[in-house]
Amino acid sequence: MVQTIITIWFFVLFIPGIYLFYKLMQCFDWEKCLKKGQTASFKIFYTLLSIILSFLFAYAFTSVFERIYEFISNSVK
């Protein structure tokens, strides 16, 4: 039951996190890093980076809760 709740929380954080990180990364000035005519490859990189950051955030968040649950369940025994 706990694994199901943790999995639900992972997807609740991961899916909206992609959009959140995508919007957060727009505050940086990426024009300095771009070459002329490389906007298509940059958008792919930008999207992949948003997915990776969202995954890492959701994984770290749920991993902490798994460890807390394991600690509590082991200390009760």
Protein backbone atom coordinates (compact mmCIF):
# COMPACT_ATOMS: atom_id res chain seq x y z
CA MET A 1 0.00 0.00 0.00
CA VAL A 2 2.80 2.41 0.86
CA GLN A 3 4.59 1.69 -2.42
CA THR A 4 1.41 2.59 -4.31
CA ILE A 5 1.15 5.92 -2.50
CA ILE A 6 4.82 6.69 -3.14
CA THR A 7 4.40 5.84 -6.83
CA ILE A 8 1.38 8.12 -7.06
CA TRP A 9 3.35 10.93 -5.43
CA PHE A 10 6.20 10.35 -7.87
CA PHE A 11 3.94 10.93 -10.86
CA VAL A 12 2.13 13.83 -9.16
CA LEU A 13 5.51 15.54 -8.84
CA PHE A 14 7.09 14.35 -12.09
CA ILE A 15 4.46 15.30 -14.68
CA PRO A 16 3.78 18.89 -13.54
CA GLY A 17 7.47 19.23 -12.69
CA ILE A 18 8.37 19.00 -16.37
CA TYR A 19 6.28 22.07 -17.11
CA LEU A 20 7.54 23.85 -13.99
CA PHE A 21 11.21 23.30 -14.83
CA TYR A 22 10.55 24.28 -18.45
CA LYS A 23 9.10 27.61 -17.31
CA LEU A 24 11.80 28.13 -14.68
CA MET A 25 14.57 27.66 -17.21
CA GLN A 26 13.09 30.38 -19.42
CA CYS A 27 14.29 33.04 -16.98
CA PHE A 28 17.89 32.43 -18.09
CA ASP A 29 19.36 34.18 -21.12
CA TRP A 30 20.23 31.26 -23.39
CA GLU A 31 20.97 33.43 -26.44
CA LYS A 32 24.61 33.72 -25.38
CA CYS A 33 25.04 29.94 -25.64
CA LEU A 34 23.26 29.48 -28.95
CA LYS A 35 24.78 29.46 -32.40
CA LYS A 36 22.85 30.79 -35.36
CA GLY A 37 20.45 28.22 -36.79
CA GLN A 38 20.67 25.84 -33.83
CA THR A 39 17.28 26.58 -32.30
CA ALA A 40 15.72 23.19 -33.14
CA SER A 41 18.47 21.21 -31.43
CA PHE A 42 18.40 23.62 -28.51
CA LYS A 43 14.65 23.09 -27.98
CA ILE A 44 15.22 19.33 -27.86
CA PHE A 45 18.01 19.81 -25.33
CA TYR A 46 15.85 22.24 -23.35
CA THR A 47 12.96 19.76 -23.18
CA LEU A 48 15.20 16.83 -22.24
CA LEU A 49 16.87 18.89 -19.52
CA SER A 50 13.44 19.77 -18.11
CA ILE A 51 12.46 16.09 -18.04
CA ILE A 52 15.73 15.09 -16.38
CA LEU A 53 15.48 17.78 -13.70
CA SER A 54 11.86 16.90 -13.01
CA PHE A 55 12.75 13.21 -12.70
CA LEU A 56 15.60 13.95 -10.29
CA PHE A 57 13.37 16.14 -8.13
CA ALA A 58 10.53 13.61 -8.00
CA TYR A 59 12.92 10.72 -7.37
CA ALA A 60 14.70 12.55 -4.54
CA PHE A 61 11.39 13.54 -2.93
CA THR A 62 9.93 10.03 -3.01
CA SER A 63 13.23 8.44 -2.01
CA VAL A 64 13.29 10.49 1.18
CA PHE A 65 9.78 9.32 2.05
CA GLU A 66 10.72 5.69 1.36
CA ARG A 67 13.69 5.95 3.69
CA ILE A 68 11.62 7.61 6.41
CA TYR A 69 9.00 4.84 6.11
CA GLU A 70 11.69 2.13 6.27
CA PHE A 71 13.25 3.78 9.31
CA ILE A 72 9.92 4.03 11.13
CA SER A 73 8.84 0.50 10.23
CA ASN A 74 12.20 -0.96 11.32
CA SER A 75 12.25 0.91 14.60
CA VAL A 76 8.75 -0.29 15.53
CA LYS A 77 9.71 -3.99 15.20
